[in-house]
Amino acid sequence: MKLLYNVEDKPPVGASILLALQHMLAAMGAIIAVPLVVGSAIGLPTDQMVILVNAALMVSGVVTIIQCKGVGPVGIRLPVVMGTSFTFVAISISIGLDSGISGVFGASLIGSLVMIIGSRFMPQIRKLFPPVVSGTVVVLIGLTILPVSVDWFAGGFVGQEHYGQINNLMLGLLVLVVVIVLSQLGKGLISAAAIVIGMMVGYIVAIFMGVVDFTPVQEAKFFSLPELLPFGLSFTVSGVIGMSIAYLVTIMESTGDFLALSDATHTKLTGKKLSKGILCDGVGSALASVFGATPFSSFSQNVGIVSITGVASRHVVAVTGVIMLIAGMFPKLGGIVVTIPSPVLGGAGLVMFAMIISAGIGILSRINFTKRNMLIIAVGVASGMAVTVRPEILTYMPDSLRVILGSGITTGSLVALGLNIMLGINRADEAESAKEKREALKEQIKECEACEKALAEEEAMQSREQQI
């Protein structure tokens, strides 16, 4: 897709703020959700929950700025939104119940060394991701997070009383239609800001419907500053090991996000650039541990925003980081985002997440569809979706394997990587597939030439008619 703004472009300030807002709106719910889930499960009092949320927002802002702008060897310098990761929820709750919240941050700090050290080996790891593997991983990213947007669209979670009610579906559908219409028919900034405009329309309608609860805004503090080691640090061997495994999983997931983003932004992802991105993940997670936030990773949903809007400017997403930083310092701003009804998020999320799937299909379209490659795609996607749709399949696995294989992205990626290494390339199949691809391309060229000829004849006829 043609980009409206390239990676290095700097839109006007007003446009940058508007475009940055849609990235923040897409990420804010997840950033806040992780500390709320972990804090609630551990049984933290309200005042400590507030510290977790504020720290998550502020550190998310800082790490997003570093990832986009770059500081020396840290930061991939692409439009990446960083935030608290759901990968660490289960292990954080386990450590917190056993050793307290201080044990969570101690294990997070030590475990972050896995990403920091692992980032040095990304050039070698990047070679393991040819298009057949990277395309499979990107498709899996979209498929595994798509159910989240479906739940938002329906108004919550399966089993809740209001799940799937008609008013929820109509509200989500309104946002979805507005986003599609503006992204297709809108021009310039209107098209680029289709997601945030669609969400604004949905939010206003939701207010008139009486489904917006402003309690979080009323209860939030006006101003708050971060605290250094607000919960202290403590260390347990089991906690550090469990958290380190979760960091290994995150390396795989972030690599997939960066591959998808490089494709969406039309930039080449070298091993060196990938190292800088993973290093920022690790450094950001260490920083989060010091200020009382759970570990970080890149956000897949924001890749979808880049794909659908054509805004690939890293400077725009850096503005998103600034907005999140301010929201953390002024909790009432974050409170406003929390009041956005789930169907409004779902209407936009459905498009964003599905666009990631389209990006993966675009990568796969460049390969030769030999029996070998089709097998890698099929088994990789099937494996990832198996643990996503039926996580119970891992019930009797050891805890360490459940942490690793519990992520559909990681499971599918490992399977695709393994098959790509084990299944040797059949040169005869590749040659045959390449020949078929060339023949198909020739037919397309002939069709285009025929269309151009017919168009030229039509224009000539119109010209003669005007002369008569």
Protein backbone atom coordinates (compact mmCIF):
# COMPACT_ATOMS: atom_id res chain seq x y z
CA MET A 1 0.00 0.00 0.00
CA LYS A 2 1.21 3.50 -0.79
CA LEU A 3 2.25 5.35 2.37
CA LEU A 4 0.90 8.78 3.20
CA TYR A 5 3.86 9.46 5.48
CA ASN A 6 7.10 7.49 5.32
CA VAL A 7 9.17 6.48 8.34
CA GLU A 8 11.29 9.64 8.36
CA ASP A 9 8.49 12.09 7.46
CA LYS A 10 7.41 14.68 10.04
CA PRO A 11 3.74 15.71 9.59
CA PRO A 12 2.59 19.13 10.93
CA VAL A 13 2.21 19.31 14.72
CA GLY A 14 -1.60 19.32 14.68
CA ALA A 15 -1.77 16.36 12.32
CA SER A 16 0.87 14.49 14.32
CA ILE A 17 -1.12 14.85 17.55
CA LEU A 18 -4.33 13.64 15.89
CA LEU A 19 -2.60 10.68 14.26
CA ALA A 20 -0.75 9.86 17.50
CA LEU A 21 -4.02 9.79 19.44
CA GLN A 22 -5.33 6.80 17.51
CA HIS A 23 -2.21 4.83 18.42
CA MET A 24 -2.70 5.75 22.07
CA LEU A 25 -6.40 4.84 22.04
CA ALA A 26 -5.58 1.44 20.55
CA ALA A 27 -2.90 0.68 23.14
CA MET A 28 -4.16 2.36 26.32
CA GLY A 29 -6.68 -0.33 27.28
CA ALA A 30 -4.07 -3.10 27.18
CA ILE A 31 -1.46 -1.00 28.98
CA ILE A 32 -3.86 -0.37 31.85
CA ALA A 33 -5.36 -3.87 31.83
CA VAL A 34 -2.13 -5.73 32.66
CA PRO A 35 -1.38 -3.94 35.98
CA LEU A 36 -5.06 -4.09 36.92
CA VAL A 37 -5.22 -7.86 36.33
CA VAL A 38 -1.93 -8.57 38.13
CA GLY A 39 -2.67 -6.21 41.03
CA SER A 40 -6.18 -7.58 41.53
CA ALA A 41 -5.03 -11.20 41.46
CA ILE A 42 -2.30 -10.52 44.03
CA GLY A 43 -4.74 -8.56 46.20
CA LEU A 44 -3.10 -5.13 46.21
CA PRO A 45 -5.00 -2.23 47.82
CA THR A 46 -6.43 0.54 45.61
CA ASP A 47 -3.64 3.06 46.28
CA GLN A 48 -0.99 0.55 45.14
CA MET A 49 -3.04 -0.35 42.06
CA VAL A 50 -3.00 3.33 41.10
CA ILE A 51 0.82 3.33 41.38
CA LEU A 52 1.00 0.32 39.05
CA VAL A 53 -1.25 1.94 36.44
CA ASN A 54 0.49 5.33 36.51
CA ALA A 55 3.92 3.70 36.26
CA ALA A 56 2.77 1.57 33.32
CA LEU A 57 1.57 4.62 31.41
CA MET A 58 4.61 6.77 32.12
CA VAL A 59 7.20 4.11 31.36
CA SER A 60 5.24 3.07 28.24
CA GLY A 61 5.54 6.65 27.03
CA VAL A 62 9.28 6.86 27.71
CA VAL A 63 10.11 3.48 26.12
CA THR A 64 7.93 4.23 23.07
CA ILE A 65 9.86 7.48 22.52
CA ILE A 66 13.20 5.64 22.84
CA GLN A 67 12.06 2.85 20.48
CA CYS A 68 10.93 5.36 17.84
CA LYS A 69 13.66 7.99 18.12
CA GLY A 70 16.57 5.79 19.21
CA VAL A 71 19.23 6.48 21.82
CA GLY A 72 22.61 5.20 20.62
CA PRO A 73 22.32 1.42 20.10
CA VAL A 74 18.89 1.29 21.76
CA GLY A 75 15.69 1.61 19.70
CA ILE A 76 14.63 0.20 16.33
CA ARG A 77 13.69 3.67 14.99
CA LEU A 78 10.38 2.48 13.54
CA PRO A 79 6.81 3.47 14.56
CA VAL A 80 6.56 1.04 17.49
CA VAL A 81 4.22 1.49 20.47
CA MET A 82 5.57 -0.16 23.62
CA GLY A 83 3.53 -1.26 26.61
CA THR A 84 2.99 -3.82 29.35
CA SER A 85 2.78 -7.35 27.95
CA PHE A 86 0.13 -9.99 28.67
CA THR A 87 2.84 -12.64 28.22
CA PHE A 88 4.02 -11.88 31.75
CA VAL A 89 0.60 -11.87 33.46
CA ALA A 90 0.48 -15.53 34.52
CA ILE A 91 4.06 -15.69 35.81
CA SER A 92 3.71 -12.30 37.55
CA ILE A 93 0.61 -13.49 39.41
CA SER A 94 2.36 -16.74 40.37
CA ILE A 95 5.41 -14.92 41.73
CA GLY A 96 3.28 -12.25 43.42
CA LEU A 97 1.16 -14.78 45.30
CA ASP A 98 4.30 -16.63 46.41
CA SER A 99 6.75 -13.79 47.12
CA GLY A 100 4.73 -10.56 47.02
CA ILE A 101 4.79 -7.77 44.48
CA SER A 102 8.46 -7.01 45.27
CA GLY A 103 9.31 -10.51 44.01
CA VAL A 104 7.64 -9.73 40.67
CA PHE A 105 9.82 -6.68 40.09
CA GLY A 106 13.00 -8.39 41.31
CA ALA A 107 12.46 -11.28 38.88
CA SER A 108 11.54 -8.82 36.09
CA LEU A 109 14.74 -6.86 36.59
CA ILE A 110 17.03 -9.90 36.51
CA GLY A 111 15.03 -11.58 33.74
CA SER A 112 15.36 -8.53 31.48
CA LEU A 113 19.02 -9.52 31.03
CA VAL A 114 17.73 -12.37 28.83
CA MET A 115 16.50 -9.83 26.26
CA ILE A 116 19.46 -7.49 26.70
CA ILE A 117 21.96 -10.31 26.13
CA GLY A 118 19.77 -12.03 23.54
CA SER A 119 19.64 -8.86 21.45
CA ARG A 120 23.30 -9.41 20.51
CA PHE A 121 22.38 -12.57 18.61
CA MET A 122 19.51 -11.12 16.55
CA PRO A 123 21.52 -10.90 13.28
CA GLN A 124 21.87 -14.71 13.43
CA ILE A 125 18.23 -15.17 14.45
CA ARG A 126 17.05 -12.88 11.61
CA LYS A 127 18.51 -15.33 9.05
CA LEU A 128 16.09 -17.97 10.35
CA PHE A 129 13.11 -15.91 9.14
CA PRO A 130 12.81 -16.19 5.34
CA PRO A 131 9.50 -14.97 3.85
CA VAL A 132 7.78 -18.34 4.29
CA VAL A 133 8.46 -18.21 8.05
CA SER A 134 8.05 -14.46 8.60
CA GLY A 135 4.78 -14.44 6.62
CA THR A 136 3.45 -17.32 8.72
CA VAL A 137 4.42 -15.50 11.93
CA VAL A 138 2.74 -12.26 10.83
CA VAL A 139 -0.47 -14.09 9.87
CA LEU A 140 -0.44 -15.75 13.29
CA ILE A 141 -0.05 -12.40 15.06
CA GLY A 142 -3.24 -11.18 13.43
CA LEU A 143 -5.16 -14.43 13.94
CA THR A 144 -4.25 -14.82 17.61
CA ILE A 145 -5.23 -11.30 18.64
CA LEU A 146 -8.34 -11.12 16.44
CA PRO A 147 -10.52 -12.79 19.13
CA VAL A 148 -9.70 -9.87 21.44
CA SER A 149 -11.33 -7.42 19.04
CA VAL A 150 -14.31 -9.76 18.62
CA ASP A 151 -14.85 -9.75 22.40
CA TRP A 152 -14.56 -5.96 22.44
CA PHE A 153 -17.05 -5.78 19.57
CA ALA A 154 -19.53 -7.91 21.52
CA GLY A 155 -19.13 -5.80 24.64
CA GLY A 156 -16.91 -7.71 27.05
CA PHE A 157 -16.16 -11.38 27.63
CA VAL A 158 -18.04 -14.58 26.83
CA GLY A 159 -20.42 -15.37 29.68
CA GLN A 160 -21.12 -11.77 30.66
CA GLU A 161 -24.81 -10.83 30.65
CA HIS A 162 -24.50 -8.04 28.09
CA TYR A 163 -22.14 -9.97 25.78
CA GLY A 164 -23.40 -9.83 22.19
CA GLN A 165 -26.35 -7.55 22.89
CA ILE A 166 -27.71 -5.81 19.79
CA ASN A 167 -26.79 -2.31 21.02
CA ASN A 168 -23.16 -3.44 21.46
CA LEU A 169 -23.02 -4.95 17.99
CA MET A 170 -24.63 -1.87 16.39
CA LEU A 171 -22.20 0.47 18.16
CA GLY A 172 -19.20 -1.60 17.05
CA LEU A 173 -20.61 -1.82 13.52
CA LEU A 174 -21.00 1.98 13.39
CA VAL A 175 -17.33 2.47 14.23
CA LEU A 176 -16.31 -0.23 11.76
CA VAL A 177 -18.31 1.37 8.92
CA VAL A 178 -16.98 4.87 9.66
CA VAL A 179 -13.37 3.59 9.66
CA ILE A 180 -13.83 1.72 6.38
CA VAL A 181 -15.62 4.61 4.62
CA LEU A 182 -13.11 7.26 5.74
CA SER A 183 -10.05 5.12 4.99
CA GLN A 184 -11.36 4.43 1.45
CA LEU A 185 -13.12 7.64 0.47
CA GLY A 186 -11.36 10.16 2.70
CA LYS A 187 -8.41 12.18 1.47
CA GLY A 188 -5.15 13.05 3.21
CA LEU A 189 -5.48 13.54 6.96
CA ILE A 190 -9.13 12.38 7.02
CA SER A 191 -8.12 8.99 5.61
CA ALA A 192 -5.04 8.74 7.84
CA ALA A 193 -7.06 9.58 10.97
CA ALA A 194 -9.93 7.23 10.06
CA ILE A 195 -9.50 5.12 13.20
CA VAL A 196 -9.47 7.95 15.73
CA ILE A 197 -12.37 9.71 13.97
CA GLY A 198 -14.36 6.46 13.92
CA MET A 199 -13.74 5.97 17.63
CA MET A 200 -14.71 9.57 18.39
CA VAL A 201 -17.99 9.13 16.50
CA GLY A 202 -18.65 5.89 18.38
CA TYR A 203 -17.78 7.49 21.73
CA ILE A 204 -20.18 10.40 21.17
CA VAL A 205 -22.96 8.00 20.19
CA ALA A 206 -22.18 5.87 23.25
CA ILE A 207 -22.58 8.93 25.51
CA PHE A 208 -26.05 9.57 24.07
CA MET A 209 -26.84 5.89 24.56
CA GLY A 210 -25.96 6.25 28.24
CA VAL A 211 -23.35 3.48 28.27
CA VAL A 212 -20.32 5.63 29.19
CA ASP A 213 -19.37 5.51 32.90
CA PHE A 214 -17.35 8.58 33.93
CA THR A 215 -16.56 7.21 37.40
CA PRO A 216 -12.88 6.45 36.55
CA VAL A 217 -12.38 10.11 35.57
CA GLN A 218 -13.98 11.39 38.79
CA GLU A 219 -11.95 9.04 41.01
CA ALA A 220 -8.58 9.62 39.31
CA LYS A 221 -6.02 12.01 40.79
CA PHE A 222 -5.25 15.22 38.93
CA PHE A 223 -1.44 14.92 39.07
CA SER A 224 1.01 12.17 39.97
CA LEU A 225 4.78 11.64 39.69
CA PRO A 226 6.59 8.28 39.41
CA GLU A 227 8.32 6.76 42.41
CA LEU A 228 11.67 4.95 42.39
CA LEU A 229 11.29 1.33 43.58
CA PRO A 230 7.79 1.95 45.03
CA PHE A 231 7.44 -1.71 46.06
CA GLY A 232 11.10 -2.60 46.60
CA LEU A 233 12.84 -5.62 45.08
CA SER A 234 13.16 -9.21 46.26
CA PHE A 235 14.58 -12.24 44.47
CA THR A 236 13.73 -15.93 44.25
CA VAL A 237 15.39 -18.50 42.01
CA SER A 238 12.07 -19.94 40.78
CA GLY A 239 10.74 -16.44 40.07
CA VAL A 240 13.80 -15.44 38.03
CA ILE A 241 13.70 -18.70 36.02
CA GLY A 242 9.98 -18.35 35.26
CA MET A 243 10.33 -14.72 34.26
CA SER A 244 13.36 -15.50 32.07
CA ILE A 245 11.34 -18.07 30.13
CA ALA A 246 8.61 -15.44 29.57
CA TYR A 247 11.28 -13.06 28.22
CA LEU A 248 12.41 -15.72 25.72
CA VAL A 249 8.81 -15.96 24.51
CA THR A 250 8.66 -12.17 24.18
CA ILE A 251 11.78 -12.12 21.99
CA MET A 252 9.93 -14.35 19.51
CA GLU A 253 6.74 -12.27 19.66
CA SER A 254 8.56 -8.94 19.28
CA THR A 255 10.54 -10.32 16.35
CA GLY A 256 7.25 -11.14 14.64
CA ASP A 257 5.89 -7.65 15.34
CA PHE A 258 9.01 -6.02 13.93
CA LEU A 259 8.85 -8.21 10.81
CA ALA A 260 5.23 -7.17 10.27
CA LEU A 261 6.09 -3.53 10.87
CA SER A 262 9.01 -3.54 8.45
CA ASP A 263 6.68 -4.83 5.77
CA ALA A 264 3.97 -2.28 6.58
CA THR A 265 6.48 0.60 6.55
CA HIS A 266 8.33 -0.59 3.40
CA THR A 267 11.64 -0.72 5.26
CA LYS A 268 14.26 -3.47 5.35
CA LEU A 269 14.67 -5.14 8.74
CA THR A 270 18.34 -5.97 9.12
CA GLY A 271 19.72 -8.09 11.94
CA LYS A 272 21.41 -5.00 13.39
CA LYS A 273 18.17 -3.02 13.44
CA LEU A 274 16.34 -5.98 14.99
CA SER A 275 19.02 -6.11 17.71
CA LYS A 276 18.35 -2.47 18.57
CA GLY A 277 14.63 -3.13 18.87
CA ILE A 278 15.01 -6.18 21.12
CA LEU A 279 17.59 -4.32 23.22
CA CYS A 280 15.05 -1.54 23.75
CA ASP A 281 12.51 -4.17 24.88
CA GLY A 282 14.99 -5.41 27.47
CA VAL A 283 16.14 -1.99 28.66
CA GLY A 284 12.52 -0.79 28.80
CA SER A 285 11.50 -3.78 30.91
CA ALA A 286 14.40 -3.15 33.30
CA LEU A 287 13.31 0.49 33.58
CA ALA A 288 9.73 -0.64 34.19
CA SER A 289 10.87 -2.87 37.06
CA VAL A 290 12.61 0.05 38.75
CA PHE A 291 9.53 2.29 38.55
CA GLY A 292 6.92 -0.32 39.46
CA ALA A 293 5.57 -1.55 36.09
CA THR A 294 5.43 -5.07 34.69
CA PRO A 295 7.67 -6.04 31.70
CA PHE A 296 7.24 -4.54 28.24
CA SER A 297 6.93 -5.60 24.62
CA SER A 298 5.84 -4.10 21.29
CA PHE A 299 2.10 -3.83 20.56
CA SER A 300 0.80 -5.84 17.60
CA GLN A 301 -2.42 -3.83 17.24
CA ASN A 302 -0.50 -0.69 16.31
CA VAL A 303 1.03 -2.47 13.32
CA GLY A 304 -2.52 -2.70 12.00
CA ILE A 305 -2.96 1.06 12.37
CA VAL A 306 0.12 1.67 10.21
CA SER A 307 -1.22 -0.78 7.61
CA ILE A 308 -4.68 0.76 7.32
CA THR A 309 -3.77 4.46 7.58
CA GLY A 310 -0.55 4.51 5.58
CA VAL A 311 1.10 6.63 8.31
CA ALA A 312 4.51 5.06 8.92
CA SER A 313 6.17 8.09 10.53
CA ARG A 314 8.15 7.13 13.61
CA HIS A 315 7.92 10.73 14.75
CA VAL A 316 4.12 10.47 14.95
CA VAL A 317 4.37 7.43 17.24
CA ALA A 318 6.99 9.23 19.32
CA VAL A 319 4.27 11.83 19.93
CA THR A 320 2.09 8.94 21.12
CA GLY A 321 4.80 8.25 23.69
CA VAL A 322 4.67 11.85 24.86
CA ILE A 323 0.87 11.69 25.21
CA MET A 324 1.10 8.47 27.25
CA LEU A 325 3.76 10.02 29.47
CA ILE A 326 1.48 13.01 30.12
CA ALA A 327 -1.49 10.70 30.72
CA GLY A 328 0.54 8.91 33.38
CA MET A 329 1.37 12.18 35.10
CA PHE A 330 -2.24 13.38 34.82
CA PRO A 331 -4.32 10.27 35.61
CA LYS A 332 -7.61 11.96 34.72
CA LEU A 333 -6.55 11.86 31.05
CA GLY A 334 -5.98 8.15 31.31
CA GLY A 335 -9.33 7.88 33.05
CA ILE A 336 -11.07 9.31 29.98
CA VAL A 337 -9.56 6.58 27.78
CA VAL A 338 -10.71 3.92 30.25
CA THR A 339 -14.31 5.11 29.80
CA ILE A 340 -14.34 4.20 26.09
CA PRO A 341 -16.88 1.35 25.75
CA SER A 342 -15.57 -2.00 24.51
CA PRO A 343 -17.69 -2.03 21.29
CA VAL A 344 -16.08 1.24 20.21
CA LEU A 345 -12.64 -0.33 20.60
CA GLY A 346 -13.89 -3.49 18.90
CA GLY A 347 -15.14 -1.72 15.79
CA ALA A 348 -11.70 -0.21 15.20
CA GLY A 349 -9.81 -3.26 16.47
CA LEU A 350 -11.51 -5.60 14.03
CA VAL A 351 -10.05 -3.65 11.11
CA MET A 352 -6.63 -3.13 12.71
CA PHE A 353 -6.05 -6.76 13.64
CA ALA A 354 -7.40 -8.11 10.36
CA MET A 355 -5.02 -5.81 8.48
CA ILE A 356 -2.12 -7.61 10.16
CA ILE A 357 -3.40 -10.86 8.65
CA SER A 358 -3.52 -9.14 5.24
CA ALA A 359 0.08 -7.99 5.72
CA GLY A 360 1.15 -11.57 6.41
CA ILE A 361 -0.66 -12.79 3.30
CA GLY A 362 1.16 -10.07 1.36
CA ILE A 363 4.53 -11.45 2.55
CA LEU A 364 3.52 -15.00 1.66
CA SER A 365 2.42 -13.91 -1.82
CA ARG A 366 6.09 -13.35 -2.69
CA ILE A 367 7.10 -16.98 -2.16
CA ASN A 368 6.76 -19.93 -4.50
CA PHE A 369 3.84 -22.08 -3.31
CA THR A 370 5.62 -25.41 -3.43
CA LYS A 371 4.40 -28.41 -1.42
CA ARG A 372 7.19 -27.72 1.11
CA ASN A 373 6.27 -24.07 1.65
CA MET A 374 2.55 -24.81 1.86
CA LEU A 375 3.27 -27.46 4.48
CA ILE A 376 5.28 -25.00 6.59
CA ILE A 377 2.48 -22.41 6.42
CA ALA A 378 -0.28 -24.93 7.10
CA VAL A 379 1.31 -26.70 10.08
CA GLY A 380 2.72 -23.47 11.53
CA VAL A 381 -0.65 -21.69 11.49
CA ALA A 382 -2.49 -24.81 12.69
CA SER A 383 -0.11 -25.27 15.63
CA GLY A 384 -0.39 -21.63 16.71
CA MET A 385 -4.16 -21.60 16.47
CA ALA A 386 -4.45 -24.93 18.29
CA VAL A 387 -3.06 -23.54 21.55
CA THR A 388 -4.89 -20.25 21.04
CA VAL A 389 -8.35 -21.76 20.53
CA ARG A 390 -7.87 -24.74 22.86
CA PRO A 391 -5.30 -23.78 25.55
CA GLU A 392 -6.53 -26.76 27.58
CA ILE A 393 -4.37 -28.95 25.33
CA LEU A 394 -1.39 -27.86 27.46
CA THR A 395 -3.01 -28.78 30.79
CA TYR A 396 -0.64 -31.67 31.59
CA MET A 397 2.50 -30.00 30.28
CA PRO A 398 5.24 -28.89 32.74
CA ASP A 399 4.87 -25.26 33.88
CA SER A 400 7.93 -24.14 31.91
CA LEU A 401 6.54 -25.59 28.66
CA ARG A 402 3.10 -24.09 29.31
CA VAL A 403 4.66 -20.64 29.58
CA ILE A 404 6.49 -21.12 26.27
CA LEU A 405 3.80 -22.88 24.27
CA GLY A 406 0.90 -20.92 25.77
CA SER A 407 1.49 -18.21 23.18
CA GLY A 408 0.08 -19.16 19.79
CA ILE A 409 2.58 -16.82 18.13
CA THR A 410 5.52 -18.56 19.80
CA THR A 411 4.23 -22.09 19.18
CA GLY A 412 3.46 -21.44 15.52
CA SER A 413 6.76 -19.62 15.01
CA LEU A 414 8.79 -22.45 16.56
CA VAL A 415 6.99 -25.03 14.40
CA ALA A 416 7.48 -22.96 11.22
CA LEU A 417 11.15 -22.38 12.08
CA GLY A 418 11.71 -26.08 12.77
CA LEU A 419 10.03 -27.23 9.57
CA ASN A 420 11.92 -24.67 7.51
CA ILE A 421 15.20 -26.06 8.84
CA MET A 422 14.24 -29.76 8.62
CA LEU A 423 12.52 -29.78 5.23
CA GLY A 424 15.15 -29.37 2.57
CA ILE A 425 14.40 -27.19 -0.44
CA ASN A 426 13.29 -29.23 -3.46
CA ARG A 427 14.93 -27.45 -6.38
CA ALA A 428 12.68 -29.14 -8.95
CA ASP A 429 9.54 -28.00 -7.10
CA GLU A 430 10.92 -24.47 -6.75
CA ALA A 431 11.71 -24.32 -10.46
CA GLU A 432 8.26 -25.63 -11.42
CA SER A 433 6.54 -23.18 -9.09
CA ALA A 434 8.65 -20.29 -10.37
CA LYS A 435 7.73 -21.26 -13.95
CA GLU A 436 4.01 -21.29 -13.09
CA LYS A 437 4.41 -17.90 -11.40
CA ARG A 438 6.09 -16.45 -14.51
CA GLU A 439 3.31 -17.81 -16.74
CA ALA A 440 0.66 -16.29 -14.48
CA LEU A 441 2.53 -12.98 -14.54
CA LYS A 442 2.64 -13.04 -18.34
CA GLU A 443 -1.14 -13.57 -18.44
CA GLN A 444 -1.62 -10.62 -16.08
CA ILE A 445 0.58 -8.44 -18.30
CA LYS A 446 -1.46 -9.45 -21.36
CA GLU A 447 -4.69 -8.57 -19.54
CA CYS A 448 -3.27 -5.19 -18.52
CA GLU A 449 -2.14 -4.49 -22.09
CA ALA A 450 -5.61 -5.43 -23.36
CA CYS A 451 -7.21 -3.11 -20.81
CA GLU A 452 -4.89 -0.27 -21.79
CA LYS A 453 -5.67 -0.83 -25.48
CA ALA A 454 -9.43 -0.85 -24.81
CA LEU A 455 -9.10 2.30 -22.70
CA ALA A 456 -7.13 4.05 -25.45
CA GLU A 457 -9.79 3.10 -28.04
CA GLU A 458 -12.57 4.37 -25.76
CA GLU A 459 -10.76 7.68 -25.26
CA ALA A 460 -10.28 8.01 -29.04
CA MET A 461 -14.00 7.37 -29.62
CA GLN A 462 -14.95 9.98 -27.02
CA SER A 463 -12.59 12.45 -28.67
CA ARG A 464 -14.18 11.84 -32.11
CA GLU A 465 -17.69 12.20 -30.64
CA GLN A 466 -16.75 15.55 -29.09
CA GLN A 467 -15.34 16.73 -32.45
CA ILE A 468 -18.60 15.74 -34.23
